[in-house]
Structure formats: structure tokens, C-alpha cells
Amino acid sequence: MKWKIPGTRRTRALGAGAVVTTAALVAGGVAVANSAGAATTSATATSYRTQLIEMRTAGAKGYFYTANQAEYLRAQKLGFKFTGQVPGYVANTAIRGTVPVYRLRMKSGSSYLLSISTAERNKLASSGQWVYEGVVGRIPLAAAADRTKIYRVSKNGVGWRVMRTAQAAAYVKAGWHLDGFMGYVWTHK
């Protein structure tokens, strides 16, 4: 099965062997999106890459990220809207040199946060104010010709976003807080 990336002419094959799996969306968010499997030593093809899609939550209360077509379609049914932003490509399987990108949902609303920090994930999840939803994908921490930096920015009452360098700088000028460098995403499949 293939899925059309919103706003593009590209398609992505969906196979039964995908490592990133997602449970059904529930009211107010996603139940679980976990990644399984041990890190492999190499990957020869780029078929493990999928686009990280940004959506605005129902009621425009936050931002939601997914790299899974079925989850994207379920989110649309809940009123989430594609923002037109695709920060880049993430790995949907554990490969050498990548780290997991964790997704958390704020219990009191439709705000989502992405993090690569296990400590931040654990602190937020144990606070009782956030629900850990699993791994959205994996990103490299090292620069390469086919990668671009991504950052997380935040603003009270608006939410958290993940974006490339130039866009993040523009948001900081507009009053958003630069939470920090997250890693790199691939610029193409």
C-alpha cells in the first residue's frame, strides 16, 4: 500500500515489516506509538526513511507530529489539520547513529511535545501532567551532506514545534523560546 504525503506528489510504500507501530488514536491524543527492535549495524537502502508530518490539533490548541500514515489519517478524522510543514525525514527503524524521538501529550489539552532526551521524557511522564506516547521515529545526531538541523521551539499557550534552522530563528524573533537543538533530519528519502 502507498500513501500520499500531504501537499506533495510523493508516495510511500507501507509494508508489514515497519518497526514504528501505532495504536488507535483516542479522544485527545494517541494511545501509544512505540518503536521496537535493536539497532542494526548498517542500512544500505533509504526505504527506512519516512516524512515527519506536522499537524495542528483540533481547535488549534497545539501541534502534533507523526511519521505514520494510518496515524495521520486517524488524526485527520479527529479534526487535526496538516500545517504544510514537513521538517524532514526520520528513520522508522533503529539504525546506528540515530536516537529515538519521543512524543508526549499534555493531559490537560491537545498539546504535544517531541524530545530526544530520555531524562526529559521520564521527568514529564512522571509529573502526572504528560502522557508518554512512544517513539515517532529516529534521527541522527551527526551532520552529513543529506541532513539538516532541527530545533524545538515553544510558546506558552501555543505549544511546541520542531523546525529547521532558518524557520526556528524567525520564530525566536517573533517571541517563541528556543528550547534547543534536537538533531538532524534527512532532507530526502
N, C-alpha and C. Protein backbone atom coordinates (compact mmCIF):
# COMPACT_ATOMS: atom_id res chain seq x y z
N MET A 1 0.84 -1.17 0.00
CA MET A 1 0.00 0.00 0.00
C MET A 1 0.88 1.24 0.00
N LYS A 2 0.46 2.29 -0.70
CA LYS A 2 1.23 3.53 -0.74
C LYS A 2 0.39 4.65 -0.16
N TRP A 3 1.06 5.64 0.42
CA TRP A 3 0.34 6.80 0.94
C TRP A 3 0.89 8.05 0.34
N LYS A 4 0.02 9.01 0.11
CA LYS A 4 0.41 10.29 -0.45
C LYS A 4 0.79 11.21 0.68
N ILE A 5 1.96 11.80 0.56
CA ILE A 5 2.41 12.78 1.53
C ILE A 5 1.61 14.05 1.30
N PRO A 6 1.01 14.61 2.34
CA PRO A 6 0.20 15.81 2.15
C PRO A 6 1.00 16.92 1.46
N GLY A 7 0.38 17.56 0.48
CA GLY A 7 1.00 18.70 -0.18
C GLY A 7 2.11 18.35 -1.16
N THR A 8 2.29 17.06 -1.45
CA THR A 8 3.34 16.68 -2.39
C THR A 8 2.78 15.67 -3.38
N ARG A 9 3.61 15.28 -4.32
CA ARG A 9 3.22 14.22 -5.25
C ARG A 9 3.91 12.91 -4.89
N ARG A 10 4.59 12.90 -3.76
CA ARG A 10 5.34 11.71 -3.36
C ARG A 10 4.43 10.68 -2.70
N THR A 11 4.82 9.43 -2.83
CA THR A 11 4.12 8.35 -2.14
C THR A 11 5.13 7.56 -1.35
N ARG A 12 4.64 6.83 -0.36
CA ARG A 12 5.50 5.99 0.48
C ARG A 12 4.87 4.62 0.57
N ALA A 13 5.66 3.59 0.31
CA ALA A 13 5.15 2.24 0.44
C ALA A 13 5.04 1.88 1.91
N LEU A 14 3.94 1.29 2.28
CA LEU A 14 3.76 0.80 3.64
C LEU A 14 3.88 -0.69 3.63
N GLY A 15 4.74 -1.23 4.45
CA GLY A 15 4.93 -2.66 4.50
C GLY A 15 4.66 -3.23 5.86
N ALA A 16 4.45 -4.51 5.93
CA ALA A 16 4.18 -5.17 7.20
C ALA A 16 5.40 -5.17 8.09
N GLY A 17 6.60 -4.95 7.55
CA GLY A 17 7.81 -5.01 8.34
C GLY A 17 8.20 -3.71 9.01
N ALA A 18 7.36 -2.69 8.96
CA ALA A 18 7.70 -1.41 9.58
C ALA A 18 7.87 -1.59 11.08
N VAL A 19 8.88 -0.93 11.62
CA VAL A 19 9.16 -1.08 13.04
C VAL A 19 8.34 -0.12 13.88
N VAL A 20 8.10 1.09 13.40
CA VAL A 20 7.30 2.04 14.17
C VAL A 20 5.85 1.63 14.03
N THR A 21 5.20 1.32 15.14
CA THR A 21 3.79 0.94 15.13
C THR A 21 3.02 1.90 15.99
N THR A 22 1.75 2.01 15.72
CA THR A 22 0.93 2.96 16.43
C THR A 22 -0.40 2.34 16.81
N ALA A 23 -0.85 2.59 18.01
CA ALA A 23 -2.18 2.15 18.42
C ALA A 23 -3.19 3.19 17.95
N ALA A 24 -4.45 2.86 18.05
CA ALA A 24 -5.51 3.76 17.58
C ALA A 24 -5.50 5.06 18.35
N LEU A 25 -5.83 6.12 17.65
CA LEU A 25 -5.98 7.42 18.30
C LEU A 25 -7.18 7.36 19.23
N VAL A 26 -7.04 7.98 20.36
CA VAL A 26 -8.16 8.07 21.29
C VAL A 26 -8.50 9.54 21.45
N ALA A 27 -9.63 9.83 22.01
CA ALA A 27 -10.04 11.22 22.19
C ALA A 27 -8.95 11.98 22.92
N GLY A 28 -8.50 13.07 22.35
CA GLY A 28 -7.47 13.89 22.98
C GLY A 28 -6.06 13.48 22.64
N GLY A 29 -5.86 12.41 21.90
CA GLY A 29 -4.49 12.08 21.56
C GLY A 29 -4.31 10.67 21.05
N VAL A 30 -3.10 10.19 21.18
CA VAL A 30 -2.70 8.90 20.69
C VAL A 30 -2.46 8.00 21.87
N ALA A 31 -2.90 6.77 21.79
CA ALA A 31 -2.70 5.85 22.90
C ALA A 31 -1.23 5.49 23.04
N VAL A 32 -0.60 4.95 22.01
CA VAL A 32 0.80 4.54 22.07
C VAL A 32 1.39 4.56 20.66
N ALA A 33 2.65 4.94 20.55
CA ALA A 33 3.37 4.88 19.28
C ALA A 33 4.79 4.44 19.61
N ASN A 34 5.02 3.15 19.70
CA ASN A 34 6.31 2.65 20.15
C ASN A 34 7.17 2.12 19.02
N SER A 35 8.48 2.20 19.20
CA SER A 35 9.44 1.65 18.27
C SER A 35 10.08 0.44 18.93
N ALA A 36 10.26 -0.60 18.16
CA ALA A 36 10.87 -1.81 18.70
C ALA A 36 12.11 -2.16 17.91
N GLY A 37 12.85 -3.11 18.41
CA GLY A 37 13.99 -3.62 17.68
C GLY A 37 15.31 -3.05 18.14
N ALA A 38 16.34 -3.83 17.99
CA ALA A 38 17.68 -3.40 18.36
C ALA A 38 18.33 -2.65 17.21
N ALA A 39 19.29 -1.84 17.53
CA ALA A 39 20.00 -1.08 16.50
C ALA A 39 20.70 -2.04 15.55
N THR A 40 20.55 -1.77 14.28
CA THR A 40 21.25 -2.57 13.30
C THR A 40 22.59 -1.91 13.01
N THR A 41 23.47 -2.63 12.39
CA THR A 41 24.80 -2.09 12.15
C THR A 41 24.87 -1.22 10.91
N SER A 42 23.98 -1.42 9.95
CA SER A 42 24.00 -0.58 8.75
C SER A 42 22.67 -0.68 8.03
N ALA A 43 22.45 0.26 7.17
CA ALA A 43 21.26 0.24 6.32
C ALA A 43 21.73 0.65 4.93
N THR A 44 21.49 -0.19 3.95
CA THR A 44 22.00 0.08 2.62
C THR A 44 21.02 0.85 1.76
N ALA A 45 19.74 0.78 2.05
CA ALA A 45 18.74 1.50 1.26
C ALA A 45 18.11 2.58 2.12
N THR A 46 17.45 3.52 1.47
CA THR A 46 16.80 4.59 2.22
C THR A 46 15.32 4.30 2.44
N SER A 47 14.89 3.06 2.22
CA SER A 47 13.49 2.72 2.41
C SER A 47 13.06 2.80 3.87
N TYR A 48 13.98 2.97 4.77
CA TYR A 48 13.66 3.09 6.19
C TYR A 48 13.27 4.52 6.56
N ARG A 49 13.35 5.46 5.63
CA ARG A 49 13.04 6.85 5.91
C ARG A 49 11.59 7.18 5.56
N THR A 50 10.98 7.98 6.41
CA THR A 50 9.62 8.45 6.17
C THR A 50 9.50 9.89 6.64
N GLN A 51 8.62 10.65 6.03
CA GLN A 51 8.49 12.05 6.38
C GLN A 51 7.86 12.23 7.76
N LEU A 52 8.39 13.20 8.49
CA LEU A 52 7.81 13.63 9.75
C LEU A 52 6.82 14.74 9.40
N ILE A 53 5.55 14.50 9.64
CA ILE A 53 4.48 15.42 9.27
C ILE A 53 4.01 16.21 10.49
N GLU A 54 3.83 17.52 10.31
CA GLU A 54 3.30 18.36 11.39
C GLU A 54 1.83 18.65 11.13
N MET A 55 1.02 18.49 12.18
CA MET A 55 -0.41 18.79 12.10
C MET A 55 -0.78 19.74 13.24
N ARG A 56 -1.81 20.53 13.02
CA ARG A 56 -2.38 21.38 14.07
C ARG A 56 -3.51 20.58 14.69
N THR A 57 -3.57 20.55 16.01
CA THR A 57 -4.59 19.76 16.69
C THR A 57 -5.97 20.40 16.51
N ALA A 58 -7.01 19.63 16.81
CA ALA A 58 -8.38 20.14 16.72
C ALA A 58 -8.50 21.36 17.62
N GLY A 59 -9.14 22.39 17.12
CA GLY A 59 -9.27 23.62 17.88
C GLY A 59 -8.00 24.44 17.90
N ALA A 60 -7.00 24.06 17.11
CA ALA A 60 -5.72 24.78 17.00
C ALA A 60 -5.09 25.03 18.37
N LYS A 61 -5.10 23.99 19.23
CA LYS A 61 -4.56 24.14 20.58
C LYS A 61 -3.12 23.66 20.71
N GLY A 62 -2.58 23.05 19.69
CA GLY A 62 -1.21 22.57 19.76
C GLY A 62 -0.78 21.99 18.42
N TYR A 63 0.41 21.38 18.43
CA TYR A 63 0.96 20.77 17.23
C TYR A 63 1.20 19.30 17.49
N PHE A 64 1.01 18.49 16.47
CA PHE A 64 1.11 17.04 16.56
C PHE A 64 2.02 16.56 15.44
N TYR A 65 2.87 15.58 15.73
CA TYR A 65 3.81 15.06 14.74
C TYR A 65 3.64 13.56 14.59
N THR A 66 3.71 13.11 13.36
CA THR A 66 3.65 11.68 13.08
C THR A 66 4.47 11.37 11.83
N ALA A 67 4.93 10.15 11.76
CA ALA A 67 5.62 9.64 10.58
C ALA A 67 4.92 8.38 10.10
N ASN A 68 3.65 8.24 10.49
CA ASN A 68 2.89 7.03 10.21
C ASN A 68 1.59 7.42 9.48
N GLN A 69 1.37 6.84 8.31
CA GLN A 69 0.20 7.19 7.51
C GLN A 69 -1.11 6.89 8.21
N ALA A 70 -1.25 5.72 8.78
CA ALA A 70 -2.51 5.36 9.44
C ALA A 70 -2.82 6.32 10.58
N GLU A 71 -1.81 6.69 11.33
CA GLU A 71 -2.00 7.64 12.42
C GLU A 71 -2.38 9.01 11.87
N TYR A 72 -1.76 9.43 10.78
CA TYR A 72 -2.09 10.69 10.14
C TYR A 72 -3.57 10.72 9.74
N LEU A 73 -4.04 9.64 9.12
CA LEU A 73 -5.43 9.57 8.68
C LEU A 73 -6.40 9.58 9.87
N ARG A 74 -6.06 8.89 10.96
CA ARG A 74 -6.91 8.90 12.16
C ARG A 74 -6.94 10.30 12.78
N ALA A 75 -5.80 10.98 12.77
CA ALA A 75 -5.74 12.34 13.32
C ALA A 75 -6.61 13.28 12.50
N GLN A 76 -6.62 13.12 11.19
CA GLN A 76 -7.49 13.94 10.34
C GLN A 76 -8.95 13.76 10.72
N LYS A 77 -9.34 12.52 10.99
CA LYS A 77 -10.73 12.24 11.37
C LYS A 77 -11.09 12.90 12.69
N LEU A 78 -10.10 13.18 13.53
CA LEU A 78 -10.34 13.85 14.80
C LEU A 78 -10.28 15.38 14.67
N GLY A 79 -10.09 15.85 13.46
CA GLY A 79 -10.07 17.29 13.21
C GLY A 79 -8.69 17.92 13.17
N PHE A 80 -7.62 17.11 13.22
CA PHE A 80 -6.27 17.64 13.10
C PHE A 80 -6.06 18.04 11.64
N LYS A 81 -5.32 19.14 11.41
CA LYS A 81 -5.08 19.65 10.06
C LYS A 81 -3.59 19.69 9.76
N PHE A 82 -3.23 19.26 8.55
CA PHE A 82 -1.86 19.34 8.08
C PHE A 82 -1.46 20.81 7.97
N THR A 83 -0.32 21.19 8.55
CA THR A 83 0.12 22.59 8.55
C THR A 83 0.89 22.98 7.29
N GLY A 84 1.28 22.00 6.51
CA GLY A 84 2.12 22.27 5.36
C GLY A 84 3.60 22.13 5.70
N GLN A 85 3.90 21.87 6.97
CA GLN A 85 5.29 21.75 7.43
C GLN A 85 5.73 20.29 7.49
N VAL A 86 6.83 20.01 6.86
CA VAL A 86 7.47 18.69 6.91
C VAL A 86 8.93 18.96 7.27
N PRO A 87 9.28 18.85 8.56
CA PRO A 87 10.66 19.16 8.96
C PRO A 87 11.71 18.35 8.21
N GLY A 88 11.37 17.13 7.81
CA GLY A 88 12.32 16.28 7.10
C GLY A 88 11.94 14.83 7.23
N TYR A 89 12.90 13.96 6.97
CA TYR A 89 12.68 12.52 7.04
C TYR A 89 13.30 11.95 8.31
N VAL A 90 12.62 11.00 8.92
CA VAL A 90 13.13 10.28 10.09
C VAL A 90 13.22 8.80 9.74
N ALA A 91 14.02 8.08 10.50
CA ALA A 91 14.12 6.63 10.30
C ALA A 91 12.98 5.97 11.06
N ASN A 92 12.39 4.94 10.45
CA ASN A 92 11.33 4.21 11.12
C ASN A 92 11.82 2.88 11.67
N THR A 93 13.14 2.77 11.77
CA THR A 93 13.75 1.59 12.37
C THR A 93 15.04 2.03 13.06
N ALA A 94 15.48 1.28 14.04
CA ALA A 94 16.70 1.61 14.77
C ALA A 94 17.91 1.31 13.90
N ILE A 95 18.70 2.34 13.61
CA ILE A 95 19.94 2.16 12.86
C ILE A 95 21.06 2.88 13.60
N ARG A 96 22.28 2.45 13.35
CA ARG A 96 23.44 3.03 14.02
C ARG A 96 23.50 4.54 13.79
N GLY A 97 23.78 5.27 14.85
CA GLY A 97 23.94 6.71 14.75
C GLY A 97 22.65 7.50 14.92
N THR A 98 21.54 6.82 15.20
CA THR A 98 20.28 7.53 15.40
C THR A 98 19.81 7.39 16.84
N VAL A 99 18.98 8.34 17.25
CA VAL A 99 18.37 8.30 18.59
C VAL A 99 16.86 8.39 18.42
N PRO A 100 16.11 7.84 19.37
CA PRO A 100 14.65 7.92 19.27
C PRO A 100 14.14 9.33 19.53
N VAL A 101 13.06 9.66 18.85
CA VAL A 101 12.34 10.91 19.08
C VAL A 101 11.06 10.53 19.82
N TYR A 102 10.98 10.95 21.08
CA TYR A 102 9.84 10.61 21.93
C TYR A 102 8.72 11.63 21.75
N ARG A 103 7.49 11.15 21.79
CA ARG A 103 6.34 12.06 21.74
C ARG A 103 5.57 11.96 23.06
N LEU A 104 5.26 13.13 23.61
CA LEU A 104 4.47 13.22 24.83
C LEU A 104 3.27 14.12 24.58
N ARG A 105 2.16 13.82 25.25
CA ARG A 105 0.94 14.62 25.14
C ARG A 105 0.58 15.18 26.50
N MET A 106 0.29 16.47 26.53
CA MET A 106 -0.13 17.12 27.76
C MET A 106 -1.55 16.64 28.09
N LYS A 107 -1.76 16.18 29.32
CA LYS A 107 -3.07 15.65 29.71
C LYS A 107 -4.17 16.72 29.69
N SER A 108 -3.82 17.95 29.99
CA SER A 108 -4.83 18.99 30.11
C SER A 108 -5.24 19.62 28.79
N GLY A 109 -4.78 19.12 27.68
CA GLY A 109 -5.14 19.70 26.40
C GLY A 109 -4.60 18.90 25.25
N SER A 110 -4.61 19.50 24.10
CA SER A 110 -4.13 18.83 22.90
C SER A 110 -2.76 19.33 22.50
N SER A 111 -1.87 19.50 23.44
CA SER A 111 -0.51 19.92 23.15
C SER A 111 0.41 18.71 23.17
N TYR A 112 1.29 18.66 22.19
CA TYR A 112 2.25 17.56 22.07
C TYR A 112 3.65 18.14 22.07
N LEU A 113 4.59 17.33 22.51
CA LEU A 113 5.99 17.74 22.58
C LEU A 113 6.85 16.60 22.07
N LEU A 114 7.86 16.91 21.28
CA LEU A 114 8.84 15.92 20.85
C LEU A 114 10.14 16.17 21.59
N SER A 115 10.82 15.09 21.97
CA SER A 115 12.08 15.20 22.69
C SER A 115 12.98 14.02 22.33
N ILE A 116 14.29 14.27 22.37
CA ILE A 116 15.25 13.17 22.21
C ILE A 116 15.86 12.82 23.56
N SER A 117 15.48 13.53 24.59
CA SER A 117 16.05 13.34 25.92
C SER A 117 15.25 12.32 26.74
N THR A 118 15.90 11.24 27.10
CA THR A 118 15.26 10.25 27.97
C THR A 118 14.94 10.87 29.33
N ALA A 119 15.84 11.70 29.84
CA ALA A 119 15.62 12.35 31.13
C ALA A 119 14.39 13.26 31.08
N GLU A 120 14.27 14.05 30.01
CA GLU A 120 13.10 14.93 29.88
C GLU A 120 11.82 14.10 29.75
N ARG A 121 11.87 13.06 28.94
CA ARG A 121 10.71 12.18 28.77
C ARG A 121 10.28 11.62 30.11
N ASN A 122 11.22 11.08 30.88
CA ASN A 122 10.90 10.47 32.17
C ASN A 122 10.37 11.50 33.16
N LYS A 123 10.98 12.68 33.19
CA LYS A 123 10.55 13.73 34.12
C LYS A 123 9.12 14.18 33.81
N LEU A 124 8.83 14.43 32.52
CA LEU A 124 7.49 14.86 32.15
C LEU A 124 6.46 13.77 32.40
N ALA A 125 6.77 12.54 32.01
CA ALA A 125 5.83 11.44 32.19
C ALA A 125 5.54 11.17 33.66
N SER A 126 6.55 11.32 34.52
CA SER A 126 6.34 11.06 35.95
C SER A 126 5.67 12.23 36.67
N SER A 127 5.55 13.38 36.00
CA SER A 127 4.92 14.55 36.62
C SER A 127 3.41 14.38 36.76
N GLY A 128 2.85 13.45 35.99
CA GLY A 128 1.41 13.26 36.00
C GLY A 128 0.68 14.22 35.08
N GLN A 129 1.40 15.16 34.49
CA GLN A 129 0.79 16.14 33.59
C GLN A 129 0.96 15.78 32.12
N TRP A 130 1.81 14.80 31.85
CA TRP A 130 2.10 14.39 30.48
C TRP A 130 1.93 12.89 30.34
N VAL A 131 1.57 12.46 29.14
CA VAL A 131 1.46 11.04 28.81
C VAL A 131 2.52 10.75 27.75
N TYR A 132 3.38 9.77 28.05
CA TYR A 132 4.38 9.34 27.07
C TYR A 132 3.69 8.46 26.04
N GLU A 133 3.79 8.82 24.76
CA GLU A 133 3.11 8.09 23.70
C GLU A 133 4.02 7.20 22.87
N GLY A 134 5.31 7.27 23.06
CA GLY A 134 6.21 6.38 22.35
C GLY A 134 7.16 7.10 21.41
N VAL A 135 7.74 6.33 20.52
CA VAL A 135 8.75 6.83 19.59
C VAL A 135 8.09 7.12 18.24
N VAL A 136 8.27 8.35 17.76
CA VAL A 136 7.72 8.77 16.47
C VAL A 136 8.64 8.32 15.34
N GLY A 137 9.92 8.31 15.58
CA GLY A 137 10.92 7.93 14.60
C GLY A 137 12.29 8.07 15.22
N ARG A 138 13.31 7.98 14.42
CA ARG A 138 14.68 8.11 14.92
C ARG A 138 15.43 9.10 14.04
N ILE A 139 16.31 9.90 14.67
CA ILE A 139 17.07 10.89 13.93
C ILE A 139 18.55 10.77 14.26
N PRO A 140 19.41 11.14 13.31
CA PRO A 140 20.85 11.13 13.57
C PRO A 140 21.26 12.38 14.36
N LEU A 141 22.36 12.27 15.10
CA LEU A 141 22.90 13.41 15.82
C LEU A 141 24.11 14.01 15.12
N ALA A 142 24.60 13.33 14.09
CA ALA A 142 25.79 13.80 13.36
C ALA A 142 25.40 14.44 12.03
N ALA A 143 26.13 15.49 11.68
CA ALA A 143 25.90 16.17 10.41
C ALA A 143 26.36 15.31 9.25
N ALA A 144 25.71 15.48 8.11
CA ALA A 144 26.09 14.84 6.85
C ALA A 144 25.49 15.66 5.72
N ALA A 145 25.95 15.44 4.52
CA ALA A 145 25.51 16.23 3.38
C ALA A 145 24.00 16.13 3.12
N ASP A 146 23.40 15.00 3.46
CA ASP A 146 21.97 14.81 3.17
C ASP A 146 21.09 15.08 4.39
N ARG A 147 21.60 15.87 5.37
CA ARG A 147 20.86 16.13 6.61
C ARG A 147 20.80 17.63 6.90
N THR A 148 19.79 18.02 7.66
CA THR A 148 19.68 19.39 8.11
C THR A 148 19.31 19.42 9.59
N LYS A 149 19.76 20.45 10.29
CA LYS A 149 19.50 20.58 11.72
C LYS A 149 18.03 20.89 11.98
N ILE A 150 17.52 20.35 13.11
CA ILE A 150 16.19 20.73 13.56
C ILE A 150 16.27 21.16 15.02
N TYR A 151 15.38 22.06 15.37
CA TYR A 151 15.31 22.63 16.72
C TYR A 151 13.88 22.53 17.22
N ARG A 152 13.73 22.58 18.54
CA ARG A 152 12.39 22.66 19.12
C ARG A 152 12.21 24.07 19.66
N VAL A 153 11.07 24.67 19.35
CA VAL A 153 10.72 25.98 19.88
C VAL A 153 9.39 25.85 20.62
N SER A 154 9.14 26.78 21.55
CA SER A 154 7.89 26.72 22.32
C SER A 154 7.39 28.12 22.63
N LYS A 155 6.09 28.18 22.90
CA LYS A 155 5.47 29.43 23.31
C LYS A 155 4.29 29.08 24.20
N ASN A 156 4.22 29.69 25.37
CA ASN A 156 3.12 29.42 26.29
C ASN A 156 1.78 29.66 25.62
N GLY A 157 0.89 28.72 25.79
CA GLY A 157 -0.43 28.85 25.22
C GLY A 157 -0.54 28.46 23.76
N VAL A 158 0.59 28.24 23.10
CA VAL A 158 0.57 27.90 21.68
C VAL A 158 1.10 26.49 21.45
N GLY A 159 2.12 26.10 22.17
CA GLY A 159 2.64 24.76 22.05
C GLY A 159 4.10 24.68 21.69
N TRP A 160 4.49 23.50 21.22
CA TRP A 160 5.87 23.18 20.87
C TRP A 160 5.90 22.81 19.40
N ARG A 161 6.96 23.27 18.73
CA ARG A 161 7.12 22.95 17.31
C ARG A 161 8.55 22.51 17.05
N VAL A 162 8.71 21.72 15.99
CA VAL A 162 10.02 21.27 15.54
C VAL A 162 10.23 21.86 14.16
N MET A 163 11.40 22.51 13.97
CA MET A 163 11.63 23.15 12.68
C MET A 163 13.11 23.28 12.35
N ARG A 164 13.37 23.56 11.09
CA ARG A 164 14.74 23.75 10.62
C ARG A 164 15.30 25.08 11.09
N THR A 165 16.61 25.26 10.95
CA THR A 165 17.35 26.40 11.48
C THR A 165 16.75 27.76 11.14
N ALA A 166 16.57 28.08 9.87
CA ALA A 166 16.09 29.41 9.46
C ALA A 166 14.70 29.68 10.00
N GLN A 167 13.84 28.68 9.95
CA GLN A 167 12.48 28.85 10.44
C GLN A 167 12.48 29.05 11.96
N ALA A 168 13.31 28.30 12.66
CA ALA A 168 13.40 28.43 14.12
C ALA A 168 13.87 29.83 14.50
N ALA A 169 14.85 30.36 13.76
CA ALA A 169 15.34 31.72 14.03
C ALA A 169 14.24 32.75 13.86
N ALA A 170 13.41 32.59 12.84
CA ALA A 170 12.30 33.51 12.60
C ALA A 170 11.28 33.43 13.73
N TYR A 171 11.02 32.24 14.24
CA TYR A 171 10.07 32.08 15.34
C TYR A 171 10.61 32.70 16.64
N VAL A 172 11.90 32.57 16.87
CA VAL A 172 12.51 33.18 18.06
C VAL A 172 12.37 34.70 17.97
N LYS A 173 12.59 35.27 16.80
CA LYS A 173 12.40 36.72 16.61
C LYS A 173 10.96 37.13 16.88
N ALA A 174 10.02 36.22 16.62
CA ALA A 174 8.60 36.52 16.81
C ALA A 174 8.13 36.24 18.24
N GLY A 175 9.07 35.93 19.15
CA GLY A 175 8.71 35.76 20.55
C GLY A 175 8.64 34.34 21.07
N TRP A 176 8.95 33.37 20.25
CA TRP A 176 8.98 31.98 20.71
C TRP A 176 10.30 31.73 21.43
N HIS A 177 10.31 30.72 22.30
CA HIS A 177 11.51 30.33 23.04
C HIS A 177 12.22 29.20 22.29
N LEU A 178 13.52 29.32 22.13
CA LEU A 178 14.31 28.25 21.52
C LEU A 178 14.63 27.23 22.60
N ASP A 179 13.97 26.08 22.56
CA ASP A 179 14.22 25.02 23.55
C ASP A 179 15.56 24.35 23.32
N GLY A 180 15.98 24.29 22.06
CA GLY A 180 17.30 23.74 21.78
C GLY A 180 17.37 22.88 20.53
N PHE A 181 18.59 22.51 20.22
CA PHE A 181 18.92 21.65 19.08
C PHE A 181 18.45 20.24 19.38
N MET A 182 17.76 19.62 18.43
CA MET A 182 17.29 18.25 18.62
C MET A 182 18.18 17.23 17.93
N GLY A 183 18.68 17.57 16.76
CA GLY A 183 19.45 16.62 15.98
C GLY A 183 19.32 16.99 14.51
N TYR A 184 19.38 15.98 13.67
CA TYR A 184 19.29 16.19 12.22
C TYR A 184 18.17 15.34 11.66
N VAL A 185 17.57 15.80 10.59
CA VAL A 185 16.65 15.00 9.80
C VAL A 185 17.24 14.89 8.41
N TRP A 186 16.86 13.84 7.71
CA TRP A 186 17.30 13.70 6.33
C TRP A 186 16.48 14.65 5.47
N THR A 187 17.08 15.18 4.43
CA THR A 187 16.40 16.13 3.56
C THR A 187 15.64 15.43 2.43
N HIS A 188 15.88 14.15 2.24
CA HIS A 188 15.19 13.39 1.21
C HIS A 188 15.10 11.93 1.61
N LYS A 189 14.23 11.22 0.90
CA LYS A 189 14.03 9.79 1.18
C LYS A 189 15.27 9.03 0.78
